[in-house]
Amino acid sequence: MSKPEKASFETAVLVLLSLSRGAESRKKILVTLLSEPKNCSQIAREVELDWWTVQKHLRSLLKENIIKSSAFGNSKFYKLSSIGEEAIRALQSSNKKKFDLKSQGDQPLNPKVNSISSNF
């Protein structure tokens, strides 16, 4: 990716995760995906949002390649992409917005997950 493309992409991610409406909800979704792949219902329960709202945010995150999805049986599971992991690192190091990862403990960004992750 050239420098202008990278800057443009970084700006898009910044807007999506920090400045746009729903950014806090999208950040919560990303935090829930740190531990393992999850389906929309699992994410909705954890972030305490309704299913439709989470689905809308997942579509936005997929469009920007911040997360990936994979079918597993009759469900679709979501996990962070390498871009999503970079976005979380950038948000963690940023002093512009508070990004609370305390609920996830000191888990690595690429935790060992169950067999679902092998489908990605």
PDB file of N, CA and C in Angstrom:
ATOM      1  N   MET A   1       0.848  -1.180   0.000  1.00  0.00           N
ATOM      2  CA  MET A   1       0.000   0.000   0.000  1.00  0.00           C
ATOM      3  C   MET A   1       0.892   1.240   0.000  1.00  0.00           C
ATOM      4  N   SER A   2       0.668   2.171  -0.907  1.00  0.00           N
ATOM      5  CA  SER A   2       1.463   3.386  -0.958  1.00  0.00           C
ATOM      6  C   SER A   2       1.111   4.287   0.218  1.00  0.00           C
ATOM      7  N   LYS A   3       1.956   5.287   0.454  1.00  0.00           N
ATOM      8  CA  LYS A   3       1.735   6.177   1.599  1.00  0.00           C
ATOM      9  C   LYS A   3       0.385   6.888   1.548  1.00  0.00           C
ATOM     10  N   PRO A   4      -0.037   7.459   0.399  1.00  0.00           N
ATOM     11  CA  PRO A   4      -1.356   8.107   0.372  1.00  0.00           C
ATOM     12  C   PRO A   4      -2.488   7.116   0.636  1.00  0.00           C
ATOM     13  N   GLU A   5      -2.382   5.889   0.061  1.00  0.00           N
ATOM     14  CA  GLU A   5      -3.418   4.893   0.306  1.00  0.00           C
ATOM     15  C   GLU A   5      -3.452   4.495   1.773  1.00  0.00           C
ATOM     16  N   LYS A   6      -2.258   4.330   2.371  1.00  0.00           N
ATOM     17  CA  LYS A   6      -2.185   3.941   3.778  1.00  0.00           C
ATOM     18  C   LYS A   6      -2.771   5.036   4.661  1.00  0.00           C
ATOM     19  N   ALA A   7      -2.415   6.287   4.362  1.00  0.00           N
ATOM     20  CA  ALA A   7      -2.952   7.405   5.138  1.00  0.00           C
ATOM     21  C   ALA A   7      -4.465   7.461   5.008  1.00  0.00           C
ATOM     22  N   SER A   8      -4.963   7.248   3.803  1.00  0.00           N
ATOM     23  CA  SER A   8      -6.399   7.265   3.578  1.00  0.00           C
ATOM     24  C   SER A   8      -7.083   6.134   4.343  1.00  0.00           C
ATOM     25  N   PHE A   9      -6.476   4.948   4.314  1.00  0.00           N
ATOM     26  CA  PHE A   9      -7.033   3.814   5.037  1.00  0.00           C
ATOM     27  C   PHE A   9      -7.023   4.078   6.537  1.00  0.00           C
ATOM     28  N   GLU A  10      -5.900   4.580   7.048  1.00  0.00           N
ATOM     29  CA  GLU A  10      -5.807   4.876   8.481  1.00  0.00           C
ATOM     30  C   GLU A  10      -6.842   5.915   8.883  1.00  0.00           C
ATOM     31  N   THR A  11      -7.076   6.889   8.028  1.00  0.00           N
ATOM     32  CA  THR A  11      -8.102   7.904   8.299  1.00  0.00           C
ATOM     33  C   THR A  11      -9.477   7.253   8.355  1.00  0.00           C
ATOM     34  N   ALA A  12      -9.754   6.346   7.426  1.00  0.00           N
ATOM     35  CA  ALA A  12     -11.051   5.657   7.412  1.00  0.00           C
ATOM     36  C   ALA A  12     -11.255   4.846   8.682  1.00  0.00           C
ATOM     37  N   VAL A  13     -10.206   4.142   9.123  1.00  0.00           N
ATOM     38  CA  VAL A  13     -10.307   3.349  10.347  1.00  0.00           C
ATOM     39  C   VAL A  13     -10.492   4.264  11.550  1.00  0.00           C
ATOM     40  N   LEU A  14      -9.751   5.368  11.592  1.00  0.00           N
ATOM     41  CA  LEU A  14      -9.895   6.321  12.691  1.00  0.00           C
ATOM     42  C   LEU A  14     -11.321   6.849  12.771  1.00  0.00           C
ATOM     43  N   VAL A  15     -11.870   7.224  11.634  1.00  0.00           N
ATOM     44  CA  VAL A  15     -13.241   7.733  11.614  1.00  0.00           C
ATOM     45  C   VAL A  15     -14.218   6.650  12.064  1.00  0.00           C
ATOM     46  N   LEU A  16     -14.053   5.442  11.540  1.00  0.00           N
ATOM     47  CA  LEU A  16     -14.954   4.343  11.859  1.00  0.00           C
ATOM     48  C   LEU A  16     -14.924   3.983  13.342  1.00  0.00           C
ATOM     49  N   LEU A  17     -13.748   4.043  13.961  1.00  0.00           N
ATOM     50  CA  LEU A  17     -13.603   3.573  15.337  1.00  0.00           C
ATOM     51  C   LEU A  17     -13.488   4.682  16.379  1.00  0.00           C
ATOM     52  N   SER A  18     -13.399   5.922  15.952  1.00  0.00           N
ATOM     53  CA  SER A  18     -13.241   6.986  16.938  1.00  0.00           C
ATOM     54  C   SER A  18     -14.173   8.168  16.758  1.00  0.00           C
ATOM     55  N   LEU A  19     -14.439   8.546  15.534  1.00  0.00           N
ATOM     56  CA  LEU A  19     -15.140   9.799  15.306  1.00  0.00           C
ATOM     57  C   LEU A  19     -16.581   9.642  14.853  1.00  0.00           C
ATOM     58  N   SER A  20     -16.912   8.539  14.238  1.00  0.00           N
ATOM     59  CA  SER A  20     -18.252   8.390  13.685  1.00  0.00           C
ATOM     60  C   SER A  20     -19.260   7.938  14.742  1.00  0.00           C
ATOM     61  N   ARG A  21     -20.506   8.128  14.401  1.00  0.00           N
ATOM     62  CA  ARG A  21     -21.592   7.677  15.258  1.00  0.00           C
ATOM     63  C   ARG A  21     -21.521   6.146  15.365  1.00  0.00           C
ATOM     64  N   GLY A  22     -21.584   5.610  16.572  1.00  0.00           N
ATOM     65  CA  GLY A  22     -21.504   4.173  16.776  1.00  0.00           C
ATOM     66  C   GLY A  22     -20.093   3.663  17.017  1.00  0.00           C
ATOM     67  N   ALA A  23     -19.119   4.563  17.053  1.00  0.00           N
ATOM     68  CA  ALA A  23     -17.720   4.151  17.229  1.00  0.00           C
ATOM     69  C   ALA A  23     -17.508   3.388  18.536  1.00  0.00           C
ATOM     70  N   GLU A  24     -18.128   3.838  19.603  1.00  0.00           N
ATOM     71  CA  GLU A  24     -17.958   3.150  20.894  1.00  0.00           C
ATOM     72  C   GLU A  24     -18.498   1.726  20.826  1.00  0.00           C
ATOM     73  N   SER A  25     -19.607   1.538  20.174  1.00  0.00           N
ATOM     74  CA  SER A  25     -20.171   0.193  20.024  1.00  0.00           C
ATOM     75  C   SER A  25     -19.257  -0.692  19.186  1.00  0.00           C
ATOM     76  N   ARG A  26     -18.703  -0.144  18.112  1.00  0.00           N
ATOM     77  CA  ARG A  26     -17.793  -0.925  17.271  1.00  0.00           C
ATOM     78  C   ARG A  26     -16.539  -1.315  18.042  1.00  0.00           C
ATOM     79  N   LYS A  27     -16.036  -0.418  18.884  1.00  0.00           N
ATOM     80  CA  LYS A  27     -14.863  -0.753  19.692  1.00  0.00           C
ATOM     81  C   LYS A  27     -15.192  -1.877  20.673  1.00  0.00           C
ATOM     82  N   LYS A  28     -16.378  -1.830  21.276  1.00  0.00           N
ATOM     83  CA  LYS A  28     -16.791  -2.906  22.188  1.00  0.00           C
ATOM     84  C   LYS A  28     -16.862  -4.242  21.454  1.00  0.00           C
ATOM     85  N   ILE A  29     -17.359  -4.208  20.236  1.00  0.00           N
ATOM     86  CA  ILE A  29     -17.442  -5.431  19.432  1.00  0.00           C
ATOM     87  C   ILE A  29     -16.045  -5.982  19.181  1.00  0.00           C
ATOM     88  N   LEU A  30     -15.112  -5.118  18.825  1.00  0.00           N
ATOM     89  CA  LEU A  30     -13.745  -5.575  18.578  1.00  0.00           C
ATOM     90  C   LEU A  30     -13.124  -6.188  19.829  1.00  0.00           C
ATOM     91  N   VAL A  31     -13.387  -5.585  20.975  1.00  0.00           N
ATOM     92  CA  VAL A  31     -12.846  -6.120  22.225  1.00  0.00           C
ATOM     93  C   VAL A  31     -13.389  -7.525  22.489  1.00  0.00           C
ATOM     94  N   THR A  32     -14.672  -7.744  22.201  1.00  0.00           N
ATOM     95  CA  THR A  32     -15.230  -9.078  22.441  1.00  0.00           C
ATOM     96  C   THR A  32     -14.608 -10.107  21.511  1.00  0.00           C
ATOM     97  N   LEU A  33     -14.119  -9.670  20.368  1.00  0.00           N
ATOM     98  CA  LEU A  33     -13.523 -10.600  19.419  1.00  0.00           C
ATOM     99  C   LEU A  33     -12.044 -10.875  19.698  1.00  0.00           C
ATOM    100  N   LEU A  34     -11.480 -10.226  20.715  1.00  0.00           N
ATOM    101  CA  LEU A  34     -10.093 -10.490  21.079  1.00  0.00           C
ATOM    102  C   LEU A  34      -9.900 -11.929  21.555  1.00  0.00           C
ATOM    103  N   SER A  35     -10.864 -12.457  22.268  1.00  0.00           N
ATOM    104  CA  SER A  35     -10.681 -13.761  22.901  1.00  0.00           C
ATOM    105  C   SER A  35     -10.902 -14.934  21.969  1.00  0.00           C
ATOM    106  N   GLU A  36     -11.917 -14.866  21.112  1.00  0.00           N
ATOM    107  CA  GLU A  36     -12.218 -15.975  20.205  1.00  0.00           C
ATOM    108  C   GLU A  36     -13.264 -15.540  19.187  1.00  0.00           C
ATOM    109  N   PRO A  37     -13.399 -16.288  18.102  1.00  0.00           N
ATOM    110  CA  PRO A  37     -14.460 -15.982  17.134  1.00  0.00           C
ATOM    111  C   PRO A  37     -15.827 -16.163  17.777  1.00  0.00           C
ATOM    112  N   LYS A  38     -16.765 -15.304  17.393  1.00  0.00           N
ATOM    113  CA  LYS A  38     -18.120 -15.348  17.953  1.00  0.00           C
ATOM    114  C   LYS A  38     -19.131 -15.060  16.866  1.00  0.00           C
ATOM    115  N   ASN A  39     -20.354 -15.541  17.073  1.00  0.00           N
ATOM    116  CA  ASN A  39     -21.426 -15.201  16.139  1.00  0.00           C
ATOM    117  C   ASN A  39     -22.121 -13.929  16.615  1.00  0.00           C
ATOM    118  N   CYS A  40     -23.031 -13.429  15.815  1.00  0.00           N
ATOM    119  CA  CYS A  40     -23.688 -12.153  16.106  1.00  0.00           C
ATOM    120  C   CYS A  40     -24.440 -12.181  17.436  1.00  0.00           C
ATOM    121  N   SER A  41     -25.122 -13.273  17.718  1.00  0.00           N
ATOM    122  CA  SER A  41     -25.880 -13.377  18.973  1.00  0.00           C
ATOM    123  C   SER A  41     -24.966 -13.329  20.193  1.00  0.00           C
ATOM    124  N   GLN A  42     -23.830 -14.015  20.110  1.00  0.00           N
ATOM    125  CA  GLN A  42     -22.884 -14.002  21.226  1.00  0.00           C
ATOM    126  C   GLN A  42     -22.322 -12.598  21.447  1.00  0.00           C
ATOM    127  N   ILE A  43     -21.994 -11.939  20.361  1.00  0.00           N
ATOM    128  CA  ILE A  43     -21.468 -10.576  20.457  1.00  0.00           C
ATOM    129  C   ILE A  43     -22.520  -9.650  21.049  1.00  0.00           C
ATOM    130  N   ALA A  44     -23.751  -9.754  20.565  1.00  0.00           N
ATOM    131  CA  ALA A  44     -24.843  -8.890  21.043  1.00  0.00           C
ATOM    132  C   ALA A  44     -25.036  -9.041  22.550  1.00  0.00           C
ATOM    133  N   ARG A  45     -24.997 -10.281  23.041  1.00  0.00           N
ATOM    134  CA  ARG A  45     -25.134 -10.502  24.492  1.00  0.00           C
ATOM    135  C   ARG A  45     -23.999  -9.843  25.262  1.00  0.00           C
ATOM    136  N   GLU A  46     -22.775 -10.017  24.776  1.00  0.00           N
ATOM    137  CA  GLU A  46     -21.621  -9.488  25.495  1.00  0.00           C
ATOM    138  C   GLU A  46     -21.566  -7.965  25.517  1.00  0.00           C
ATOM    139  N   VAL A  47     -21.932  -7.336  24.421  1.00  0.00           N
ATOM    140  CA  VAL A  47     -21.859  -5.868  24.374  1.00  0.00           C
ATOM    141  C   VAL A  47     -23.175  -5.208  24.772  1.00  0.00           C
ATOM    142  N   GLU A  48     -24.169  -6.038  25.058  1.00  0.00           N
ATOM    143  CA  GLU A  48     -25.486  -5.567  25.511  1.00  0.00           C
ATOM    144  C   GLU A  48     -26.144  -4.621  24.504  1.00  0.00           C
ATOM    145  N   LEU A  49     -26.123  -5.055  23.244  1.00  0.00           N
ATOM    146  CA  LEU A  49     -26.823  -4.352  22.167  1.00  0.00           C
ATOM    147  C   LEU A  49     -27.747  -5.342  21.492  1.00  0.00           C
ATOM    148  N   ASP A  50     -28.764  -4.831  20.799  1.00  0.00           N
ATOM    149  CA  ASP A  50     -29.655  -5.761  20.114  1.00  0.00           C
ATOM    150  C   ASP A  50     -28.969  -6.334  18.882  1.00  0.00           C
ATOM    151  N   TRP A  51     -29.468  -7.482  18.431  1.00  0.00           N
ATOM    152  CA  TRP A  51     -28.869  -8.235  17.341  1.00  0.00           C
ATOM    153  C   TRP A  51     -28.741  -7.405  16.071  1.00  0.00           C
ATOM    154  N   TRP A  52     -29.786  -6.653  15.720  1.00  0.00           N
ATOM    155  CA  TRP A  52     -29.771  -5.868  14.486  1.00  0.00           C
ATOM    156  C   TRP A  52     -28.700  -4.791  14.519  1.00  0.00           C
ATOM    157  N   THR A  53     -28.523  -4.162  15.660  1.00  0.00           N
ATOM    158  CA  THR A  53     -27.492  -3.127  15.790  1.00  0.00           C
ATOM    159  C   THR A  53     -26.106  -3.734  15.609  1.00  0.00           C
ATOM    160  N   VAL A  54     -25.871  -4.860  16.250  1.00  0.00           N
ATOM    161  CA  VAL A  54     -24.575  -5.535  16.120  1.00  0.00           C
ATOM    162  C   VAL A  54     -24.352  -5.945  14.668  1.00  0.00           C
ATOM    163  N   GLN A  55     -25.368  -6.467  14.021  1.00  0.00           N
ATOM    164  CA  GLN A  55     -25.255  -6.887  12.622  1.00  0.00           C
ATOM    165  C   GLN A  55     -24.849  -5.712  11.737  1.00  0.00           C
ATOM    166  N   LYS A  56     -25.430  -4.556  11.979  1.00  0.00           N
ATOM    167  CA  LYS A  56     -25.094  -3.350  11.206  1.00  0.00           C
ATOM    168  C   LYS A  56     -23.623  -2.981  11.404  1.00  0.00           C
ATOM    169  N   HIS A  57     -23.165  -3.020  12.650  1.00  0.00           N
ATOM    170  CA  HIS A  57     -21.762  -2.695  12.933  1.00  0.00           C
ATOM    171  C   HIS A  57     -20.825  -3.738  12.327  1.00  0.00           C
ATOM    172  N   LEU A  58     -21.208  -5.007  12.381  1.00  0.00           N
ATOM    173  CA  LEU A  58     -20.381  -6.061  11.794  1.00  0.00           C
ATOM    174  C   LEU A  58     -20.213  -5.839  10.290  1.00  0.00           C
ATOM    175  N   ARG A  59     -21.275  -5.427   9.611  1.00  0.00           N
ATOM    176  CA  ARG A  59     -21.184  -5.148   8.183  1.00  0.00           C
ATOM    177  C   ARG A  59     -20.185  -4.022   7.899  1.00  0.00           C
ATOM    178  N   SER A  60     -20.224  -2.975   8.735  1.00  0.00           N
ATOM    179  CA  SER A  60     -19.279  -1.864   8.563  1.00  0.00           C
ATOM    180  C   SER A  60     -17.842  -2.328   8.776  1.00  0.00           C
ATOM    181  N   LEU A  61     -17.637  -3.140   9.803  1.00  0.00           N
ATOM    182  CA  LEU A  61     -16.295  -3.633  10.110  1.00  0.00           C
ATOM    183  C   LEU A  61     -15.796  -4.597   9.033  1.00  0.00           C
ATOM    184  N   LEU A  62     -16.685  -5.408   8.496  1.00  0.00           N
ATOM    185  CA  LEU A  62     -16.329  -6.316   7.401  1.00  0.00           C
ATOM    186  C   LEU A  62     -15.942  -5.528   6.152  1.00  0.00           C
ATOM    187  N   LYS A  63     -16.716  -4.494   5.848  1.00  0.00           N
ATOM    188  CA  LYS A  63     -16.478  -3.679   4.659  1.00  0.00           C
ATOM    189  C   LYS A  63     -15.081  -3.066   4.681  1.00  0.00           C
ATOM    190  N   GLU A  64     -14.607  -2.696   5.867  1.00  0.00           N
ATOM    191  CA  GLU A  64     -13.282  -2.088   6.013  1.00  0.00           C
ATOM    192  C   GLU A  64     -12.193  -3.125   6.294  1.00  0.00           C
ATOM    193  N   ASN A  65     -12.558  -4.412   6.238  1.00  0.00           N
ATOM    194  CA  ASN A  65     -11.620  -5.519   6.476  1.00  0.00           C
ATOM    195  C   ASN A  65     -10.998  -5.498   7.865  1.00  0.00           C
ATOM    196  N   ILE A  66     -11.728  -4.977   8.827  1.00  0.00           N
ATOM    197  CA  ILE A  66     -11.254  -4.944  10.209  1.00  0.00           C
ATOM    198  C   ILE A  66     -11.547  -6.284  10.885  1.00  0.00           C
ATOM    199  N   ILE A  67     -12.589  -6.958  10.414  1.00  0.00           N
ATOM    200  CA  ILE A  67     -12.909  -8.302  10.883  1.00  0.00           C
ATOM    201  C   ILE A  67     -13.093  -9.211   9.673  1.00  0.00           C
ATOM    202  N   LYS A  68     -13.093 -10.520   9.945  1.00  0.00           N
ATOM    203  CA  LYS A  68     -13.354 -11.518   8.909  1.00  0.00           C
ATOM    204  C   LYS A  68     -14.521 -12.372   9.387  1.00  0.00           C
ATOM    205  N   SER A  69     -15.202 -13.008   8.439  1.00  0.00           N
ATOM    206  CA  SER A  69     -16.295 -13.901   8.818  1.00  0.00           C
ATOM    207  C   SER A  69     -16.092 -15.253   8.150  1.00  0.00           C
ATOM    208  N   SER A  70     -16.687 -16.251   8.778  1.00  0.00           N
ATOM    209  CA  SER A  70     -16.611 -17.601   8.249  1.00  0.00           C
ATOM    210  C   SER A  70     -17.851 -18.360   8.687  1.00  0.00           C
ATOM    211  N   ALA A  71     -18.396 -19.147   7.765  1.00  0.00           N
ATOM    212  CA  ALA A  71     -19.560 -19.968   8.102  1.00  0.00           C
ATOM    213  C   ALA A  71     -19.084 -21.197   8.868  1.00  0.00           C
ATOM    214  N   PHE A  72     -19.847 -21.552   9.880  1.00  0.00           N
ATOM    215  CA  PHE A  72     -19.567 -22.746  10.679  1.00  0.00           C
ATOM    216  C   PHE A  72     -20.922 -23.356  10.978  1.00  0.00           C
ATOM    217  N   GLY A  73     -21.274 -24.395  10.259  1.00  0.00           N
ATOM    218  CA  GLY A  73     -22.621 -24.944  10.388  1.00  0.00           C
ATOM    219  C   GLY A  73     -23.609 -23.938   9.838  1.00  0.00           C
ATOM    220  N   ASN A  74     -24.655 -23.656  10.612  1.00  0.00           N
ATOM    221  CA  ASN A  74     -25.663 -22.687  10.190  1.00  0.00           C
ATOM    222  C   ASN A  74     -25.369 -21.276  10.670  1.00  0.00           C
ATOM    223  N   SER A  75     -24.248 -21.081  11.328  1.00  0.00           N
ATOM    224  CA  SER A  75     -23.911 -19.769  11.879  1.00  0.00           C
ATOM    225  C   SER A  75     -22.747 -19.140  11.140  1.00  0.00           C
ATOM    226  N   LYS A  76     -22.665 -17.832  11.245  1.00  0.00           N
ATOM    227  CA  LYS A  76     -21.534 -17.084  10.714  1.00  0.00           C
ATOM    228  C   LYS A  76     -20.758 -16.567  11.917  1.00  0.00           C
ATOM    229  N   PHE A  77     -19.472 -16.853  11.946  1.00  0.00           N
ATOM    230  CA  PHE A  77     -18.621 -16.408  13.046  1.00  0.00           C
ATOM    231  C   PHE A  77     -17.693 -15.307  12.564  1.00  0.00           C
ATOM    232  N   TYR A  78     -17.366 -14.412  13.475  1.00  0.00           N
ATOM    233  CA  TYR A  78     -16.543 -13.257  13.168  1.00  0.00           C
ATOM    234  C   TYR A  78     -15.299 -13.281  14.039  1.00  0.00           C
ATOM    235  N   LYS A  79     -14.183 -12.807  13.466  1.00  0.00           N
ATOM    236  CA  LYS A  79     -12.952 -12.665  14.233  1.00  0.00           C
ATOM    237  C   LYS A  79     -12.182 -11.479  13.695  1.00  0.00           C
ATOM    238  N   LEU A  80     -11.236 -10.997  14.479  1.00  0.00           N
ATOM    239  CA  LEU A  80     -10.411  -9.879  14.061  1.00  0.00           C
ATOM    240  C   LEU A  80      -9.517 -10.277  12.898  1.00  0.00           C
ATOM    241  N   SER A  81      -9.348  -9.375  11.968  1.00  0.00           N
ATOM    242  CA  SER A  81      -8.357  -9.568  10.911  1.00  0.00           C
ATOM    243  C   SER A  81      -7.050  -8.958  11.415  1.00  0.00           C
ATOM    244  N   SER A  82      -5.989  -9.110  10.658  1.00  0.00           N
ATOM    245  CA  SER A  82      -4.722  -8.480  11.060  1.00  0.00           C
ATOM    246  C   SER A  82      -4.881  -6.957  11.104  1.00  0.00           C
ATOM    247  N   ILE A  83      -5.703  -6.424  10.219  1.00  0.00           N
ATOM    248  CA  ILE A  83      -5.983  -4.982  10.228  1.00  0.00           C
ATOM    249  C   ILE A  83      -6.715  -4.590  11.514  1.00  0.00           C
ATOM    250  N   GLY A  84      -7.655  -5.438  11.943  1.00  0.00           N
ATOM    251  CA  GLY A  84      -8.377  -5.193  13.189  1.00  0.00           C
ATOM    252  C   GLY A  84      -7.453  -5.195  14.385  1.00  0.00           C
ATOM    253  N   GLU A  85      -6.501  -6.115  14.396  1.00  0.00           N
ATOM    254  CA  GLU A  85      -5.531  -6.158  15.485  1.00  0.00           C
ATOM    255  C   GLU A  85      -4.676  -4.893  15.497  1.00  0.00           C
ATOM    256  N   GLU A  86      -4.267  -4.441  14.304  1.00  0.00           N
ATOM    257  CA  GLU A  86      -3.501  -3.194  14.205  1.00  0.00           C
ATOM    258  C   GLU A  86      -4.335  -2.007  14.700  1.00  0.00           C
ATOM    259  N   ALA A  87      -5.617  -2.005  14.344  1.00  0.00           N
ATOM    260  CA  ALA A  87      -6.502  -0.911  14.768  1.00  0.00           C
ATOM    261  C   ALA A  87      -6.607  -0.874  16.287  1.00  0.00           C
ATOM    262  N   ILE A  88      -6.716  -2.034  16.914  1.00  0.00           N
ATOM    263  CA  ILE A  88      -6.795  -2.072  18.376  1.00  0.00           C
ATOM    264  C   ILE A  88      -5.501  -1.565  18.984  1.00  0.00           C
ATOM    265  N   ARG A  89      -4.366  -1.984  18.440  1.00  0.00           N
ATOM    266  CA  ARG A  89      -3.075  -1.490  18.952  1.00  0.00           C
ATOM    267  C   ARG A  89      -2.997   0.024  18.832  1.00  0.00           C
ATOM    268  N   ALA A  90      -3.431   0.555  17.692  1.00  0.00           N
ATOM    269  CA  ALA A  90      -3.389   2.007  17.481  1.00  0.00           C
ATOM    270  C   ALA A  90      -4.296   2.720  18.479  1.00  0.00           C
ATOM    271  N   LEU A  91      -5.474   2.158  18.710  1.00  0.00           N
ATOM    272  CA  LEU A  91      -6.395   2.782  19.661  1.00  0.00           C
ATOM    273  C   LEU A  91      -5.864   2.705  21.086  1.00  0.00           C
ATOM    274  N   GLN A  92      -5.200   1.599  21.419  1.00  0.00           N
ATOM    275  CA  GLN A  92      -4.636   1.452  22.753  1.00  0.00           C
ATOM    276  C   GLN A  92      -3.550   2.492  22.996  1.00  0.00           C
ATOM    277  N   SER A  93      -2.734   2.753  21.980  1.00  0.00           N
ATOM    278  CA  SER A  93      -1.623   3.685  22.151  1.00  0.00           C
ATOM    279  C   SER A  93      -2.052   5.144  22.010  1.00  0.00           C
ATOM    280  N   SER A  94      -3.236   5.358  21.493  1.00  0.00           N
ATOM    281  CA  SER A  94      -3.733   6.714  21.300  1.00  0.00           C
ATOM    282  C   SER A  94      -4.211   7.311  22.618  1.00  0.00           C
ATOM    283  N   ASN A  95      -3.872   8.550  22.857  1.00  0.00           N
ATOM    284  CA  ASN A  95      -4.358   9.256  24.047  1.00  0.00           C
ATOM    285  C   ASN A  95      -5.610  10.054  23.742  1.00  0.00           C
ATOM    286  N   LYS A  96      -6.064  10.023  22.459  1.00  0.00           N
ATOM    287  CA  LYS A  96      -7.221  10.811  22.072  1.00  0.00           C
ATOM    288  C   LYS A  96      -8.515  10.243  22.643  1.00  0.00           C
ATOM    289  N   LYS A  97      -8.601   8.918  22.687  1.00  0.00           N
ATOM    290  CA  LYS A  97      -9.805   8.252  23.184  1.00  0.00           C
ATOM    291  C   LYS A  97      -9.402   7.213  24.206  1.00  0.00           C
ATOM    292  N   LYS A  98     -10.180   7.066  25.249  1.00  0.00           N
ATOM    293  CA  LYS A  98      -9.934   5.997  26.206  1.00  0.00           C
ATOM    294  C   LYS A  98     -10.489   4.718  25.629  1.00  0.00           C
ATOM    295  N   PHE A  99      -9.679   3.676  25.701  1.00  0.00           N
ATOM    296  CA  PHE A  99     -10.085   2.384  25.154  1.00  0.00           C
ATOM    297  C   PHE A  99      -9.844   1.353  26.228  1.00  0.00           C
ATOM    298  N   ASP A 100     -10.888   0.960  26.918  1.00  0.00           N
ATOM    299  CA  ASP A 100     -10.770   0.100  28.073  1.00  0.00           C
ATOM    300  C   ASP A 100     -10.749  -1.370  27.679  1.00  0.00           C
ATOM    301  N   LEU A 101      -9.587  -1.988  27.878  1.00  0.00           N
ATOM    302  CA  LEU A 101      -9.460  -3.416  27.614  1.00  0.00           C
ATOM    303  C   LEU A 101      -9.349  -4.209  28.913  1.00  0.00           C
ATOM    304  N   LYS A 102      -9.590  -3.574  30.040  1.00  0.00           N
ATOM    305  CA  LYS A 102      -9.444  -4.252  31.325  1.00  0.00           C
ATOM    306  C   LYS A 102     -10.324  -5.481  31.436  1.00  0.00           C
ATOM    307  N   SER A 103     -11.488  -5.441  30.804  1.00  0.00           N
ATOM    308  CA  SER A 103     -12.390  -6.586  30.882  1.00  0.00           C
ATOM    309  C   SER A 103     -11.815  -7.807  30.189  1.00  0.00           C
ATOM    310  N   GLN A 104     -10.846  -7.605  29.299  1.00  0.00           N
ATOM    311  CA  GLN A 104     -10.234  -8.713  28.583  1.00  0.00           C
ATOM    312  C   GLN A 104      -8.934  -9.161  29.243  1.00  0.00           C
ATOM    313  N   GLY A 105      -8.494  -8.468  30.294  1.00  0.00           N
ATOM    314  CA  GLY A 105      -7.250  -8.851  30.956  1.00  0.00           C
ATOM    315  C   GLY A 105      -6.063  -8.567  30.057  1.00  0.00           C
ATOM    316  N   ASP A 106      -5.006  -9.312  30.245  1.00  0.00           N
ATOM    317  CA  ASP A 106      -3.786  -9.127  29.461  1.00  0.00           C
ATOM    318  C   ASP A 106      -3.666 -10.191  28.392  1.00  0.00           C
ATOM    319  N   GLN A 107      -4.734 -10.468  27.711  1.00  0.00           N
ATOM    320  CA  GLN A 107      -4.716 -11.502  26.687  1.00  0.00           C
ATOM    321  C   GLN A 107      -3.946 -11.025  25.471  1.00  0.00           C
ATOM    322  N   PRO A 108      -3.227 -11.924  24.807  1.00  0.00           N
ATOM    323  CA  PRO A 108      -2.527 -11.541  23.587  1.00  0.00           C
ATOM    324  C   PRO A 108      -3.523 -11.254  22.472  1.00  0.00           C
ATOM    325  N   LEU A 109      -3.059 -10.541  21.455  1.00  0.00           N
ATOM    326  CA  LEU A 109      -3.950 -10.212  20.350  1.00  0.00           C
ATOM    327  C   LEU A 109      -4.252 -11.417  19.477  1.00  0.00           C
ATOM    328  N   ASN A 110      -3.423 -12.433  19.505  1.00  0.00           N
ATOM    329  CA  ASN A 110      -3.675 -13.643  18.733  1.00  0.00           C
ATOM    330  C   ASN A 110      -3.813 -14.825  19.673  1.00  0.00           C
ATOM    331  N   PRO A 111      -4.854 -14.860  20.498  1.00  0.00           N
ATOM    332  CA  PRO A 111      -4.979 -15.955  21.452  1.00  0.00           C
ATOM    333  C   PRO A 111      -5.267 -17.273  20.754  1.00  0.00           C
ATOM    334  N   LYS A 112      -4.910 -18.342  21.417  1.00  0.00           N
ATOM    335  CA  LYS A 112      -5.228 -19.671  20.903  1.00  0.00           C
ATOM    336  C   LYS A 112      -6.724 -19.865  21.093  1.00  0.00           C
ATOM    337  N   VAL A 113      -7.420 -20.187  20.027  1.00  0.00           N
ATOM    338  CA  VAL A 113      -8.873 -20.311  20.097  1.00  0.00           C
ATOM    339  C   VAL A 113      -9.295 -21.699  19.674  1.00  0.00           C
ATOM    340  N   ASN A 114     -10.572 -21.970  19.848  1.00  0.00           N
ATOM    341  CA  ASN A 114     -11.097 -23.304  19.554  1.00  0.00           C
ATOM    342  C   ASN A 114     -11.136 -23.592  18.051  1.00  0.00           C
ATOM    343  N   SER A 115     -11.713 -24.700  17.697  1.00  0.00           N
ATOM    344  CA  SER A 115     -11.676 -25.193  16.316  1.00  0.00           C
ATOM    345  C   SER A 115     -12.360 -24.270  15.313  1.00  0.00           C
ATOM    346  N   ILE A 116     -13.186 -23.364  15.771  1.00  0.00           N
ATOM    347  CA  ILE A 116     -13.866 -22.446  14.851  1.00  0.00           C
ATOM    348  C   ILE A 116     -12.848 -21.636  14.077  1.00  0.00           C
ATOM    349  N   SER A 117     -11.768 -21.219  14.736  1.00  0.00           N
ATOM    350  CA  SER A 117     -10.786 -20.363  14.073  1.00  0.00           C
ATOM    351  C   SER A 117     -10.106 -21.050  12.902  1.00  0.00           C
ATOM    352  N   SER A 118     -10.110 -22.361  12.862  1.00  0.00           N
ATOM    353  CA  SER A 118      -9.472 -23.054  11.747  1.00  0.00           C
ATOM    354  C   SER A 118     -10.243 -22.863  10.437  1.00  0.00           C
ATOM    355  N   ASN A 119     -11.464 -22.380  10.509  1.00  0.00           N
ATOM    356  CA  ASN A 119     -12.266 -22.143   9.314  1.00  0.00           C
ATOM    357  C   ASN A 119     -11.959 -20.822   8.644  1.00  0.00           C
ATOM    358  N   PHE A 120     -11.160 -19.980   9.251  1.00  0.00           N
ATOM    359  CA  PHE A 120     -10.891 -18.661   8.696  1.00  0.00           C
ATOM    360  C   PHE A 120      -9.725 -18.703   7.748  1.00  0.00           C
TER     361      PHE A 120
END
